C-alpha atoms as a PDB file:
ATOM      1  CA  MET A   1     -90.082 -39.783-259.163  1.00  0.00           C
ATOM      2  CA  SER A   2     -90.229 -36.371-257.460  1.00  0.00           C
ATOM      3  CA  LYS A   3     -87.328 -34.583-259.142  1.00  0.00           C
ATOM      4  CA  VAL A   4     -87.364 -34.011-262.886  1.00  0.00           C
ATOM      5  CA  ASN A   5     -85.052 -32.159-265.263  1.00  0.00           C
ATOM      6  CA  ILE A   6     -86.813 -30.113-267.940  1.00  0.00           C
ATOM      7  CA  GLY A   7     -85.062 -29.098-271.160  1.00  0.00           C
ATOM      8  CA  LEU A   8     -86.258 -26.365-273.544  1.00  0.00           C
ATOM      9  CA  ILE A   9     -84.735 -25.745-276.978  1.00  0.00           C
ATOM     10  CA  GLN A  10     -84.918 -22.088-278.071  1.00  0.00           C
ATOM     11  CA  MET A  11     -83.531 -21.486-281.549  1.00  0.00           C
ATOM     12  CA  THR A  12     -83.737 -19.701-284.867  1.00  0.00           C
ATOM     13  CA  CYS A  13     -85.211 -21.571-287.821  1.00  0.00           C
ATOM     14  CA  ASP A  14     -83.985 -21.863-291.389  1.00  0.00           C
ATOM     15  CA  GLU A  15     -86.089 -22.027-294.540  1.00  0.00           C
ATOM     16  CA  ARG A  16     -84.708 -25.535-295.091  1.00  0.00           C
ATOM     17  CA  ILE A  17     -86.363 -28.315-293.102  1.00  0.00           C
ATOM     18  CA  GLU A  18     -83.244 -30.501-293.077  1.00  0.00           C
ATOM     19  CA  VAL A  19     -81.208 -27.727-291.485  1.00  0.00           C
ATOM     20  CA  ASN A  20     -83.767 -27.364-288.680  1.00  0.00           C
ATOM     21  CA  ILE A  21     -83.855 -31.113-288.094  1.00  0.00           C
ATOM     22  CA  GLU A  22     -80.099 -31.446-287.751  1.00  0.00           C
ATOM     23  CA  LYS A  23     -79.815 -28.338-285.617  1.00  0.00           C
ATOM     24  CA  SER A  24     -82.550 -29.558-283.275  1.00  0.00           C
ATOM     25  CA  ILE A  25     -80.995 -33.008-282.977  1.00  0.00           C
ATOM     26  CA  ALA A  26     -77.710 -31.435-281.885  1.00  0.00           C
ATOM     27  CA  LYS A  27     -79.415 -29.226-279.314  1.00  0.00           C
ATOM     28  CA  VAL A  28     -81.524 -32.076-277.903  1.00  0.00           C
ATOM     29  CA  ARG A  29     -78.345 -34.096-277.470  1.00  0.00           C
ATOM     30  CA  GLU A  30     -76.775 -31.172-275.644  1.00  0.00           C
ATOM     31  CA  ALA A  31     -79.799 -30.804-273.363  1.00  0.00           C
ATOM     32  CA  ALA A  32     -79.762 -34.532-272.560  1.00  0.00           C
ATOM     33  CA  ALA A  33     -76.037 -34.344-271.824  1.00  0.00           C
ATOM     34  CA  GLN A  34     -76.867 -31.640-269.264  1.00  0.00           C
ATOM     35  CA  GLY A  35     -79.354 -33.984-267.589  1.00  0.00           C
ATOM     36  CA  ALA A  36     -82.637 -33.058-269.248  1.00  0.00           C
ATOM     37  CA  GLN A  37     -85.209 -35.863-268.979  1.00  0.00           C
ATOM     38  CA  ILE A  38     -88.179 -34.185-270.694  1.00  0.00           C
ATOM     39  CA  VAL A  39     -87.227 -32.002-273.657  1.00  0.00           C
ATOM     40  CA  CYS A  40     -89.585 -29.735-275.586  1.00  0.00           C
ATOM     41  CA  LEU A  41     -88.953 -28.132-278.974  1.00  0.00           C
ATOM     42  CA  GLN A  42     -90.640 -24.907-280.067  1.00  0.00           C
ATOM     43  CA  GLU A  43     -93.864 -24.652-282.046  1.00  0.00           C
ATOM     44  CA  LEU A  44     -93.562 -25.760-285.701  1.00  0.00           C
ATOM     45  CA  TYR A  45     -89.927 -26.620-285.069  1.00  0.00           C
ATOM     46  CA  HIS A  46     -89.140 -27.913-288.560  1.00  0.00           C
ATOM     47  CA  SER A  47     -89.946 -24.710-290.459  1.00  0.00           C
ATOM     48  CA  GLN A  48     -89.970 -20.969-290.238  1.00  0.00           C
ATOM     49  CA  TYR A  49     -93.233 -19.335-289.124  1.00  0.00           C
ATOM     50  CA  PHE A  50     -95.010 -19.376-292.484  1.00  0.00           C
ATOM     51  CA  ALA A  51     -98.373 -18.055-291.223  1.00  0.00           C
ATOM     52  CA  GLN A  52     -97.159 -14.468-291.658  1.00  0.00           C
ATOM     53  CA  THR A  53     -98.699 -14.534-295.137  1.00  0.00           C
ATOM     54  CA  VAL A  54    -101.515 -16.387-296.900  1.00  0.00           C
ATOM     55  CA  SER A  55    -100.229 -18.697-299.623  1.00  0.00           C
ATOM     56  CA  VAL A  56    -101.472 -22.071-300.814  1.00  0.00           C
ATOM     57  CA  ASP A  57     -97.845 -23.034-301.436  1.00  0.00           C
ATOM     58  CA  ASN A  58     -97.195 -23.158-297.687  1.00  0.00           C
ATOM     59  CA  TYR A  59     -99.487 -26.167-297.360  1.00  0.00           C
ATOM     60  CA  GLN A  60     -96.537 -28.119-298.769  1.00  0.00           C
ATOM     61  CA  LEU A  61     -94.781 -27.618-295.423  1.00  0.00           C
ATOM     62  CA  ALA A  62     -97.274 -29.962-293.726  1.00  0.00           C
ATOM     63  CA  ILE A  63     -95.700 -33.344-292.998  1.00  0.00           C
ATOM     64  CA  PRO A  64     -97.030 -36.795-292.006  1.00  0.00           C
ATOM     65  CA  HIS A  65     -95.854 -38.744-288.975  1.00  0.00           C
ATOM     66  CA  ASP A  66     -93.480 -40.821-291.079  1.00  0.00           C
ATOM     67  CA  HIS A  67     -91.493 -37.767-292.211  1.00  0.00           C
ATOM     68  CA  ARG A  68     -87.867 -37.660-291.071  1.00  0.00           C
ATOM     69  CA  ALA A  69     -88.609 -34.548-288.990  1.00  0.00           C
ATOM     70  CA  ILE A  70     -90.671 -36.850-286.759  1.00  0.00           C
ATOM     71  CA  THR A  71     -89.025 -40.264-287.085  1.00  0.00           C
ATOM     72  CA  SER A  72     -85.558 -38.891-286.347  1.00  0.00           C
ATOM     73  CA  MET A  73     -86.859 -37.382-283.111  1.00  0.00           C
ATOM     74  CA  GLN A  74     -88.573 -40.624-282.156  1.00  0.00           C
ATOM     75  CA  GLU A  75     -85.290 -42.472-282.634  1.00  0.00           C
ATOM     76  CA  LEU A  76     -83.455 -39.777-280.685  1.00  0.00           C
ATOM     77  CA  ALA A  77     -85.803 -40.084-277.700  1.00  0.00           C
ATOM     78  CA  LYS A  78     -85.114 -43.818-277.546  1.00  0.00           C
ATOM     79  CA  GLU A  79     -81.363 -43.390-277.975  1.00  0.00           C
ATOM     80  CA  LEU A  80     -81.091 -40.772-275.231  1.00  0.00           C
ATOM     81  CA  GLY A  81     -83.701 -42.284-272.910  1.00  0.00           C
ATOM     82  CA  ILE A  82     -85.709 -39.065-272.693  1.00  0.00           C
ATOM     83  CA  VAL A  83     -89.273 -37.893-273.231  1.00  0.00           C
ATOM     84  CA  LEU A  84     -89.345 -35.641-276.297  1.00  0.00           C
ATOM     85  CA  ILE A  85     -92.114 -33.224-277.315  1.00  0.00           C
ATOM     86  CA  VAL A  86     -92.001 -32.501-281.055  1.00  0.00           C
ATOM     87  CA  PRO A  87     -94.276 -29.703-282.365  1.00  0.00           C
ATOM     88  CA  PHE A  88     -94.861 -29.788-286.133  1.00  0.00           C
ATOM     89  CA  TYR A  89     -97.197 -28.894-289.000  1.00  0.00           C
ATOM     90  CA  GLU A  90     -99.145 -32.127-289.356  1.00  0.00           C
ATOM     91  CA  TRP A  91    -100.477 -33.481-292.632  1.00  0.00           C
ATOM     92  CA  ALA A  92    -103.488 -35.561-291.582  1.00  0.00           C
ATOM     93  CA  ALA A  93    -105.319 -35.949-294.899  1.00  0.00           C
ATOM     94  CA  LYS A  94    -105.603 -34.130-298.200  1.00  0.00           C
ATOM     95  CA  GLY A  95    -106.597 -30.584-297.292  1.00  0.00           C
ATOM     96  CA  VAL A  96    -106.589 -31.276-293.537  1.00  0.00           C
ATOM     97  CA  TYR A  97    -103.600 -29.913-291.628  1.00  0.00           C
ATOM     98  CA  PHE A  98    -103.075 -29.418-287.897  1.00  0.00           C
ATOM     99  CA  ASN A  99    -100.668 -27.530-285.678  1.00  0.00           C
ATOM    100  CA  SER A 100     -99.556 -30.468-283.558  1.00  0.00           C
ATOM    101  CA  ALA A 101     -97.095 -31.826-281.011  1.00  0.00           C
ATOM    102  CA  ALA A 102     -96.094 -35.493-280.954  1.00  0.00           C
ATOM    103  CA  VAL A 103     -94.870 -37.025-277.691  1.00  0.00           C
ATOM    104  CA  PHE A 104     -92.316 -39.850-277.538  1.00  0.00           C
ATOM    105  CA  ASP A 105     -91.247 -41.602-274.357  1.00  0.00           C
ATOM    106  CA  GLU A 106     -87.819 -42.853-273.337  1.00  0.00           C
ATOM    107  CA  THR A 107     -88.356 -46.118-275.240  1.00  0.00           C
ATOM    108  CA  GLY A 108     -89.275 -44.292-278.442  1.00  0.00           C
ATOM    109  CA  LYS A 109     -92.948 -45.168-278.061  1.00  0.00           C
ATOM    110  CA  HIS A 110     -95.363 -42.636-279.547  1.00  0.00           C
ATOM    111  CA  LEU A 111     -97.572 -41.723-276.588  1.00  0.00           C
ATOM    112  CA  GLY A 112     -99.868 -39.557-278.680  1.00  0.00           C
ATOM    113  CA  THR A 113    -100.248 -36.256-280.475  1.00  0.00           C
ATOM    114  CA  THR A 114    -101.833 -33.061-279.177  1.00  0.00           C
ATOM    115  CA  ARG A 115    -103.458 -30.833-281.801  1.00  0.00           C
ATOM    116  CA  LYS A 116    -103.780 -27.099-281.202  1.00  0.00           C
ATOM    117  CA  ASN A 117    -107.341 -26.196-280.230  1.00  0.00           C
ATOM    118  CA  HIS A 118    -107.388 -22.406-280.290  1.00  0.00           C
ATOM    119  CA  ILE A 119    -106.469 -21.007-283.705  1.00  0.00           C
ATOM    120  CA  PRO A 120    -105.740 -17.257-283.866  1.00  0.00           C
ATOM    121  CA  ASP A 121    -106.076 -14.945-286.824  1.00  0.00           C
ATOM    122  CA  GLY A 122    -104.606 -11.470-287.115  1.00  0.00           C
ATOM    123  CA  PRO A 123    -101.949  -9.455-288.921  1.00  0.00           C
ATOM    124  CA  GLN A 124     -99.020 -11.817-289.637  1.00  0.00           C
ATOM    125  CA  TYR A 125    -100.679 -14.569-287.577  1.00  0.00           C
ATOM    126  CA  HIS A 126    -102.935 -15.992-290.310  1.00  0.00           C
ATOM    127  CA  GLU A 127    -103.326 -19.379-288.690  1.00  0.00           C
ATOM    128  CA  LYS A 128    -106.962 -20.009-289.529  1.00  0.00           C
ATOM    129  CA  TYR A 129    -105.916 -20.351-293.167  1.00  0.00           C
ATOM    130  CA  TYR A 130    -103.432 -23.099-292.347  1.00  0.00           C
ATOM    131  CA  PHE A 131    -104.658 -25.034-289.326  1.00  0.00           C
ATOM    132  CA  THR A 132    -107.796 -27.074-288.709  1.00  0.00           C
ATOM    133  CA  PRO A 133    -108.921 -26.672-285.068  1.00  0.00           C
ATOM    134  CA  GLY A 134    -107.663 -29.580-282.985  1.00  0.00           C
ATOM    135  CA  ASN A 135    -109.793 -32.667-282.385  1.00  0.00           C
ATOM    136  CA  THR A 136    -107.687 -34.451-279.746  1.00  0.00           C
ATOM    137  CA  GLY A 137    -109.033 -32.545-276.765  1.00  0.00           C
ATOM    138  CA  TYR A 138    -106.563 -32.043-273.922  1.00  0.00           C
ATOM    139  CA  PRO A 139    -104.637 -35.279-273.403  1.00  0.00           C
ATOM    140  CA  VAL A 140    -102.305 -35.818-270.463  1.00  0.00           C
ATOM    141  CA  TYR A 141     -99.334 -38.097-270.996  1.00  0.00           C
ATOM    142  CA  HIS A 142     -98.144 -40.375-268.187  1.00  0.00           C
ATOM    143  CA  THR A 143     -94.389 -40.618-268.602  1.00  0.00           C
ATOM    144  CA  LYS A 144     -91.568 -42.123-266.594  1.00  0.00           C
ATOM    145  CA  PHE A 145     -90.612 -38.631-265.468  1.00  0.00           C
ATOM    146  CA  GLY A 146     -94.033 -37.206-264.641  1.00  0.00           C
ATOM    147  CA  LYS A 147     -97.479 -36.469-266.014  1.00  0.00           C
ATOM    148  CA  ILE A 148     -97.425 -33.763-268.672  1.00  0.00           C
ATOM    149  CA  GLY A 149     -99.929 -31.746-270.653  1.00  0.00           C
ATOM    150  CA  ILE A 150     -99.407 -29.578-273.718  1.00  0.00           C
ATOM    151  CA  GLY A 151    -100.985 -26.353-274.932  1.00  0.00           C
ATOM    152  CA  ILE A 152     -99.676 -25.038-278.231  1.00  0.00           C
ATOM    153  CA  CYS A 153     -99.047 -21.264-278.425  1.00  0.00           C
ATOM    154  CA  TRP A 154    -102.486 -19.565-278.518  1.00  0.00           C
ATOM    155  CA  ASP A 155    -103.791 -22.372-276.292  1.00  0.00           C
ATOM    156  CA  GLU A 156    -101.430 -21.195-273.569  1.00  0.00           C
ATOM    157  CA  TRP A 157    -103.306 -17.918-273.085  1.00  0.00           C
ATOM    158  CA  PHE A 158    -106.566 -19.655-272.141  1.00  0.00           C
ATOM    159  CA  PRO A 159    -106.934 -20.520-268.427  1.00  0.00           C
ATOM    160  CA  GLU A 160    -109.477 -23.186-269.312  1.00  0.00           C
ATOM    161  CA  VAL A 161    -106.776 -25.248-271.033  1.00  0.00           C
ATOM    162  CA  ALA A 162    -104.489 -25.176-268.007  1.00  0.00           C
ATOM    163  CA  ARG A 163    -107.344 -26.074-265.653  1.00  0.00           C
ATOM    164  CA  ILE A 164    -108.493 -29.021-267.767  1.00  0.00           C
ATOM    165  CA  LEU A 165    -104.967 -30.407-268.039  1.00  0.00           C
ATOM    166  CA  THR A 166    -104.555 -29.995-264.289  1.00  0.00           C
ATOM    167  CA  LEU A 167    -107.817 -31.767-263.520  1.00  0.00           C
ATOM    168  CA  LYS A 168    -106.698 -34.616-265.774  1.00  0.00           C
ATOM    169  CA  GLY A 169    -103.578 -35.032-263.654  1.00  0.00           C
ATOM    170  CA  ALA A 170    -100.794 -33.035-265.317  1.00  0.00           C
ATOM    171  CA  ASP A 171     -97.862 -32.018-263.106  1.00  0.00           C
ATOM    172  CA  ILE A 172     -96.056 -29.975-265.768  1.00  0.00           C
ATOM    173  CA  LEU A 173     -97.677 -27.892-268.515  1.00  0.00           C
ATOM    174  CA  PHE A 174     -95.572 -27.485-271.652  1.00  0.00           C
ATOM    175  CA  TYR A 175     -96.280 -24.583-273.976  1.00  0.00           C
ATOM    176  CA  PRO A 176     -94.366 -24.661-277.295  1.00  0.00           C
ATOM    177  CA  SER A 177     -94.748 -21.219-278.873  1.00  0.00           C
ATOM    178  CA  ALA A 178     -93.981 -18.918-281.799  1.00  0.00           C
ATOM    179  CA  ILE A 179     -94.672 -15.384-280.637  1.00  0.00           C
ATOM    180  CA  GLY A 180     -92.987 -12.106-281.384  1.00  0.00           C
ATOM    181  CA  SER A 181     -93.556  -8.703-282.926  1.00  0.00           C
ATOM    182  CA  GLU A 182     -96.979  -7.183-283.488  1.00  0.00           C
ATOM    183  CA  PRO A 183     -97.124  -5.540-286.936  1.00  0.00           C
ATOM    184  CA  ASP A 184     -99.948  -3.159-285.983  1.00  0.00           C
ATOM    185  CA  HIS A 185     -97.979  -2.012-282.939  1.00  0.00           C
ATOM    186  CA  PRO A 186     -94.261  -2.182-283.738  1.00  0.00           C
ATOM    187  CA  GLU A 187     -93.452  -0.250-280.580  1.00  0.00           C
ATOM    188  CA  LEU A 188     -95.082  -2.899-278.382  1.00  0.00           C
ATOM    189  CA  SER A 189     -93.591  -6.088-276.943  1.00  0.00           C
ATOM    190  CA  THR A 190     -95.946  -8.673-275.478  1.00  0.00           C
ATOM    191  CA  LYS A 191     -93.072 -10.524-273.803  1.00  0.00           C
ATOM    192  CA  ALA A 192     -93.863  -9.337-270.254  1.00  0.00           C
ATOM    193  CA  ALA A 193     -97.585 -10.032-270.641  1.00  0.00           C
ATOM    194  CA  TRP A 194     -96.819 -13.445-272.142  1.00  0.00           C
ATOM    195  CA  THR A 195     -94.574 -14.397-269.240  1.00  0.00           C
ATOM    196  CA  LYS A 196     -97.052 -13.214-266.617  1.00  0.00           C
ATOM    197  CA  ALA A 197    -100.079 -14.823-268.229  1.00  0.00           C
ATOM    198  CA  ILE A 198     -98.453 -18.201-268.751  1.00  0.00           C
ATOM    199  CA  SER A 199     -96.657 -18.428-265.402  1.00  0.00           C
ATOM    200  CA  SER A 200     -99.882 -17.486-263.612  1.00  0.00           C
ATOM    201  CA  HIS A 201    -101.360 -20.819-264.695  1.00  0.00           C
ATOM    202  CA  GLY A 202     -98.915 -22.357-262.248  1.00  0.00           C
ATOM    203  CA  ILE A 203    -100.438 -20.359-259.394  1.00  0.00           C
ATOM    204  CA  HIS A 204    -104.064 -21.042-260.332  1.00  0.00           C
ATOM    205  CA  ASN A 205    -103.502 -24.763-260.702  1.00  0.00           C
ATOM    206  CA  GLY A 206    -100.488 -25.627-258.553  1.00  0.00           C
ATOM    207  CA  VAL A 207     -98.361 -26.932-261.431  1.00  0.00           C
ATOM    208  CA  PHE A 208     -95.014 -26.325-263.075  1.00  0.00           C
ATOM    209  CA  VAL A 209     -95.019 -24.450-266.363  1.00  0.00           C
ATOM    210  CA  ALA A 210     -92.452 -24.776-269.163  1.00  0.00           C
ATOM    211  CA  ALA A 211     -92.856 -22.372-272.083  1.00  0.00           C
ATOM    212  CA  VAL A 212     -90.505 -22.416-275.069  1.00  0.00           C
ATOM    213  CA  ASN A 213     -90.426 -19.809-277.828  1.00  0.00           C
ATOM    214  CA  ARG A 214     -88.384 -19.279-280.976  1.00  0.00           C
ATOM    215  CA  VAL A 215     -85.976 -16.404-281.628  1.00  0.00           C
ATOM    216  CA  GLY A 216     -84.675 -14.439-284.569  1.00  0.00           C
ATOM    217  CA  GLN A 217     -85.907 -12.543-287.601  1.00  0.00           C
ATOM    218  CA  GLU A 218     -88.106 -14.420-290.064  1.00  0.00           C
ATOM    219  CA  GLN A 219     -89.384 -12.368-292.985  1.00  0.00           C
ATOM    220  CA  GLU A 220     -91.221  -9.443-291.366  1.00  0.00           C
ATOM    221  CA  MET A 221     -91.408 -10.844-287.851  1.00  0.00           C
ATOM    222  CA  SER A 222     -88.979 -10.848-284.948  1.00  0.00           C
ATOM    223  CA  PHE A 223     -89.399 -13.537-282.293  1.00  0.00           C
ATOM    224  CA  TYR A 224     -88.364 -12.599-278.766  1.00  0.00           C
ATOM    225  CA  GLY A 225     -87.546 -15.921-277.145  1.00  0.00           C
ATOM    226  CA  GLY A 226     -87.963 -15.591-273.384  1.00  0.00           C
ATOM    227  CA  SER A 227     -88.429 -19.324-272.768  1.00  0.00           C
ATOM    228  CA  PHE A 228     -88.871 -20.092-269.074  1.00  0.00           C
ATOM    229  CA  VAL A 229     -89.768 -22.590-266.379  1.00  0.00           C
ATOM    230  CA  SER A 230     -91.913 -21.489-263.430  1.00  0.00           C
ATOM    231  CA  ASN A 231     -93.010 -23.254-260.250  1.00  0.00           C
ATOM    232  CA  PRO A 232     -96.460 -23.799-258.685  1.00  0.00           C
ATOM    233  CA  MET A 233     -96.244 -20.394-256.985  1.00  0.00           C
ATOM    234  CA  GLY A 234     -95.587 -18.670-260.307  1.00  0.00           C
ATOM    235  CA  ASP A 235     -91.930 -17.927-259.587  1.00  0.00           C
ATOM    236  CA  ILE A 236     -89.688 -17.919-262.669  1.00  0.00           C
ATOM    237  CA  LEU A 237     -87.002 -20.496-261.899  1.00  0.00           C
ATOM    238  CA  GLN A 238     -85.013 -19.790-265.041  1.00  0.00           C
ATOM    239  CA  SER A 239     -85.571 -17.841-268.243  1.00  0.00           C
ATOM    240  CA  MET A 240     -83.770 -17.041-271.464  1.00  0.00           C
ATOM    241  CA  ASP A 241     -83.186 -13.818-273.364  1.00  0.00           C
ATOM    242  CA  GLU A 242     -83.456 -13.254-277.125  1.00  0.00           C
ATOM    243  CA  GLN A 243     -80.528 -15.490-278.009  1.00  0.00           C
ATOM    244  CA  GLU A 244     -80.453 -19.112-279.111  1.00  0.00           C
ATOM    245  CA  GLY A 245     -79.802 -21.534-276.333  1.00  0.00           C
ATOM    246  CA  ILE A 246     -80.810 -24.438-274.157  1.00  0.00           C
ATOM    247  CA  LEU A 247     -82.562 -24.160-270.826  1.00  0.00           C
ATOM    248  CA  VAL A 248     -82.226 -27.084-268.422  1.00  0.00           C
ATOM    249  CA  GLN A 249     -84.016 -26.757-265.095  1.00  0.00           C
ATOM    250  CA  ASP A 250     -84.605 -29.287-262.351  1.00  0.00           C
ATOM    251  CA  VAL A 251     -87.970 -29.218-260.579  1.00  0.00           C
ATOM    252  CA  ASN A 252     -89.291 -30.992-257.504  1.00  0.00           C
ATOM    253  CA  LEU A 253     -92.818 -32.265-258.054  1.00  0.00           C
ATOM    254  CA  GLU A 254     -93.376 -32.401-254.283  1.00  0.00           C
ATOM    255  CA  GLU A 255     -93.820 -28.630-254.427  1.00  0.00           C
ATOM    256  CA  ILE A 256     -97.173 -29.209-256.106  1.00  0.00           C
ATOM    257  CA  GLU A 257     -98.785 -30.644-252.973  1.00  0.00           C
ATOM    258  CA  PHE A 258     -97.389 -27.815-250.853  1.00  0.00           C
ATOM    259  CA  ALA A 259     -98.791 -25.158-253.202  1.00  0.00           C
ATOM    260  CA  ARG A 260    -102.219 -26.776-253.443  1.00  0.00           C
ATOM    261  CA  ASN A 261    -102.469 -27.200-249.676  1.00  0.00           C
ATOM    262  CA  LEU A 262    -101.606 -23.528-249.255  1.00  0.00           C
ATOM    263  CA  LEU A 263    -103.865 -22.126-251.990  1.00  0.00           C
ATOM    264  CA  GLN A 264    -106.970 -24.301-252.162  1.00  0.00           C
ATOM    265  CA  PHE A 265    -108.216 -23.270-255.596  1.00  0.00           C
ATOM    266  CA  LEU A 266    -109.082 -26.796-256.666  1.00  0.00           C
ATOM    267  CA  ARG A 267    -110.961 -27.536-253.438  1.00  0.00           C
ATOM    268  CA  ASP A 268    -113.025 -24.352-253.553  1.00  0.00           C
ATOM    269  CA  ARG A 269    -114.176 -24.472-257.161  1.00  0.00           C
ATOM    270  CA  ARG A 270    -117.913 -23.915-257.657  1.00  0.00           C
ATOM    271  CA  THR A 271    -118.556 -25.907-260.795  1.00  0.00           C
ATOM    272  CA  ASP A 272    -122.307 -25.524-260.272  1.00  0.00           C
ATOM    273  CA  THR A 273    -121.968 -21.779-260.959  1.00  0.00           C
ATOM    274  CA  TYR A 274    -119.798 -21.954-264.075  1.00  0.00           C
ATOM    275  CA  GLY A 275    -122.512 -22.398-266.696  1.00  0.00           C
ATOM    276  CA  PRO A 276    -121.979 -18.916-268.211  1.00  0.00           C
ATOM    277  CA  ILE A 277    -118.432 -19.829-269.207  1.00  0.00           C
ATOM    278  CA  LEU A 278    -119.879 -22.115-271.864  1.00  0.00           C
ATOM    279  CA  GLU A 279    -121.697 -19.235-273.535  1.00  0.00           C
ATOM    280  CA  LYS A 280    -120.103 -17.130-276.277  1.00  0.00           C
ATOM    281  CA  CYS A 281    -121.268 -13.907-274.638  1.00  0.00           C
END
């Protein structure tokens, strides 16, 4: 299959998990009705962004795979015949919680779960308190509609993640995100830098990129949306503003071969010279 329809769900989140589940189900249905074949929800879709503060009570937001926030999406993927990427706060064991994304195929089969590898820590992004660093590596999922890889939020800023997923065969890189205001610099928006940095992975690797972010005010933070799909030359095919909505974009995977034949980054790699990249400094 060379042509694929990508769907991104950009929305505000409520404090109540059930509200977010029902809202997401409705929006996934809408995206599928518009032709979306691979749909991605935003990071930690079932809750508000709780990492703004440090509180042991927020550990209660972690959920296992058999929680309705996950099982309802698995059933939905099967019903609609789509691939569905479901980012959530994963309860793995007592005291062990991950920032994860489960992947379900068009039959409802659980293809696997990607766990966020790079965990940030800073003002209102206190993720090291909540998330254990991922232990799933960088899986690539072979789906009916294409080979996909996932980097969760902070992962998306690291070129190494995009390159590894590309080398493992991914055609489309999905980046579910929760990014917005910077409390130390309220006058600053990172939206332009975010868009440039993430879309540039498409150029470096000859892949499509699909980044989805949340919107709205949650406690002290404002999330700027800006979800987009870009092509292997880094062109933004479609993007969203700071409003809730659904982005559905068709892509032609044949463009990947054209881009890689034009810009031979994969051919000209010098892996024998890259030892220093494994050093901390």
